[in-house]
Amino acid sequence: MSVPNHAYTDMDLSFIQTIPQRDTNRCWIICAISEQLSRFRMKTGWHQFSVSLNYIAFWDCIEKCNLFFVYVV
């Protein structure tokens, strides 16, 4: 039985930099941003480009407040 060749086996993933999550409780959004950021870096060649985790945390809090107000009102 042969193992199929997957598309990801030939990719060079050495450029991927992980984003520290620590105890943010936002691992799902950080994971999604990290994955999209890796794709962006690979497409553009901007390997030093990064995003602010404070910006992500701010908008996550805004969305949580919005959800709270939707259910209250």
C-alpha atoms as a PDB file:
ATOM      1  CA  MET A   1       0.000   0.000   0.000  1.00  0.00           C
ATOM      2  CA  SER A   2       1.514   3.316  -1.041  1.00  0.00           C
ATOM      3  CA  VAL A   3       1.139   6.563   0.837  1.00  0.00           C
ATOM      4  CA  PRO A   4      -0.228   9.439  -1.297  1.00  0.00           C
ATOM      5  CA  ASN A   5       2.045  12.425  -1.822  1.00  0.00           C
ATOM      6  CA  HIS A   6       0.450  15.385  -0.088  1.00  0.00           C
ATOM      7  CA  ALA A   7       0.953  18.932  -1.327  1.00  0.00           C
ATOM      8  CA  TYR A   8       2.501  20.076   1.963  1.00  0.00           C
ATOM      9  CA  THR A   9       5.357  17.573   1.987  1.00  0.00           C
ATOM     10  CA  ASP A  10       7.387  19.530  -0.578  1.00  0.00           C
ATOM     11  CA  MET A  11       6.911  22.968   0.992  1.00  0.00           C
ATOM     12  CA  ASP A  12       9.764  24.815   2.654  1.00  0.00           C
ATOM     13  CA  LEU A  13       8.349  25.894   6.016  1.00  0.00           C
ATOM     14  CA  SER A  14      11.545  27.347   7.470  1.00  0.00           C
ATOM     15  CA  PHE A  15      10.242  30.915   7.098  1.00  0.00           C
ATOM     16  CA  ILE A  16       7.312  30.414   9.493  1.00  0.00           C
ATOM     17  CA  GLN A  17       7.665  32.283  12.770  1.00  0.00           C
ATOM     18  CA  THR A  18       5.375  31.374  15.620  1.00  0.00           C
ATOM     19  CA  ILE A  19       3.430  33.959  17.587  1.00  0.00           C
ATOM     20  CA  PRO A  20       3.697  33.531  21.374  1.00  0.00           C
ATOM     21  CA  GLN A  21       0.230  32.915  22.817  1.00  0.00           C
ATOM     22  CA  ARG A  22       1.046  32.550  26.506  1.00  0.00           C
ATOM     23  CA  ASP A  23      -2.150  32.773  28.581  1.00  0.00           C
ATOM     24  CA  THR A  24      -4.111  35.027  26.243  1.00  0.00           C
ATOM     25  CA  ASN A  25      -7.164  32.742  25.904  1.00  0.00           C
ATOM     26  CA  ARG A  26      -7.170  33.770  22.276  1.00  0.00           C
ATOM     27  CA  CYS A  27      -5.372  30.784  20.828  1.00  0.00           C
ATOM     28  CA  TRP A  28      -7.982  30.330  18.082  1.00  0.00           C
ATOM     29  CA  ILE A  29      -7.584  33.848  16.705  1.00  0.00           C
ATOM     30  CA  ILE A  30      -3.801  33.873  17.131  1.00  0.00           C
ATOM     31  CA  CYS A  31      -3.586  30.572  15.268  1.00  0.00           C
ATOM     32  CA  ALA A  32      -5.684  31.956  12.398  1.00  0.00           C
ATOM     33  CA  ILE A  33      -3.661  35.200  12.237  1.00  0.00           C
ATOM     34  CA  SER A  34      -0.396  33.256  12.346  1.00  0.00           C
ATOM     35  CA  GLU A  35      -1.488  31.016   9.471  1.00  0.00           C
ATOM     36  CA  GLN A  36      -2.621  33.955   7.335  1.00  0.00           C
ATOM     37  CA  LEU A  37       0.513  35.909   8.223  1.00  0.00           C
ATOM     38  CA  SER A  38       2.684  33.006   7.072  1.00  0.00           C
ATOM     39  CA  ARG A  39       0.873  32.928   3.735  1.00  0.00           C
ATOM     40  CA  PHE A  40       1.229  36.702   3.383  1.00  0.00           C
ATOM     41  CA  ARG A  41       4.963  36.545   4.131  1.00  0.00           C
ATOM     42  CA  MET A  42       5.456  33.757   1.612  1.00  0.00           C
ATOM     43  CA  LYS A  43       3.541  35.625  -1.123  1.00  0.00           C
ATOM     44  CA  THR A  44       5.130  39.045  -0.627  1.00  0.00           C
ATOM     45  CA  GLY A  45       8.596  38.103   0.579  1.00  0.00           C
ATOM     46  CA  TRP A  46       8.232  40.388   3.625  1.00  0.00           C
ATOM     47  CA  HIS A  47       9.592  37.905   6.157  1.00  0.00           C
ATOM     48  CA  GLN A  48      10.027  40.523   8.915  1.00  0.00           C
ATOM     49  CA  PHE A  49       6.388  41.725   8.710  1.00  0.00           C
ATOM     50  CA  SER A  50       4.440  41.243  11.953  1.00  0.00           C
ATOM     51  CA  VAL A  51       1.113  42.176  13.514  1.00  0.00           C
ATOM     52  CA  SER A  52       0.350  43.661  16.908  1.00  0.00           C
ATOM     53  CA  LEU A  53      -1.135  41.248  19.433  1.00  0.00           C
ATOM     54  CA  ASN A  54      -2.515  44.257  21.324  1.00  0.00           C
ATOM     55  CA  TYR A  55      -4.505  45.226  18.241  1.00  0.00           C
ATOM     56  CA  ILE A  56      -5.926  41.695  17.997  1.00  0.00           C
ATOM     57  CA  ALA A  57      -6.772  41.641  21.710  1.00  0.00           C
ATOM     58  CA  PHE A  58      -8.461  45.056  21.476  1.00  0.00           C
ATOM     59  CA  TRP A  59     -10.789  44.027  18.665  1.00  0.00           C
ATOM     60  CA  ASP A  60     -11.494  40.702  20.353  1.00  0.00           C
ATOM     61  CA  CYS A  61     -12.683  42.617  23.443  1.00  0.00           C
ATOM     62  CA  ILE A  62     -14.778  44.946  21.285  1.00  0.00           C
ATOM     63  CA  GLU A  63     -16.457  41.957  19.646  1.00  0.00           C
ATOM     64  CA  LYS A  64     -17.137  40.348  23.028  1.00  0.00           C
ATOM     65  CA  CYS A  65     -18.718  43.605  24.258  1.00  0.00           C
ATOM     66  CA  ASN A  66     -20.784  43.809  21.108  1.00  0.00           C
ATOM     67  CA  LEU A  67     -22.020  40.251  21.585  1.00  0.00           C
ATOM     68  CA  PHE A  68     -22.902  41.008  25.207  1.00  0.00           C
ATOM     69  CA  PHE A  69     -24.912  44.103  24.212  1.00  0.00           C
ATOM     70  CA  VAL A  70     -26.712  42.191  21.459  1.00  0.00           C
ATOM     71  CA  TYR A  71     -27.955  39.652  24.000  1.00  0.00           C
ATOM     72  CA  VAL A  72     -28.802  42.271  26.645  1.00  0.00           C
ATOM     73  CA  VAL A  73     -30.760  44.615  24.399  1.00  0.00           C
END
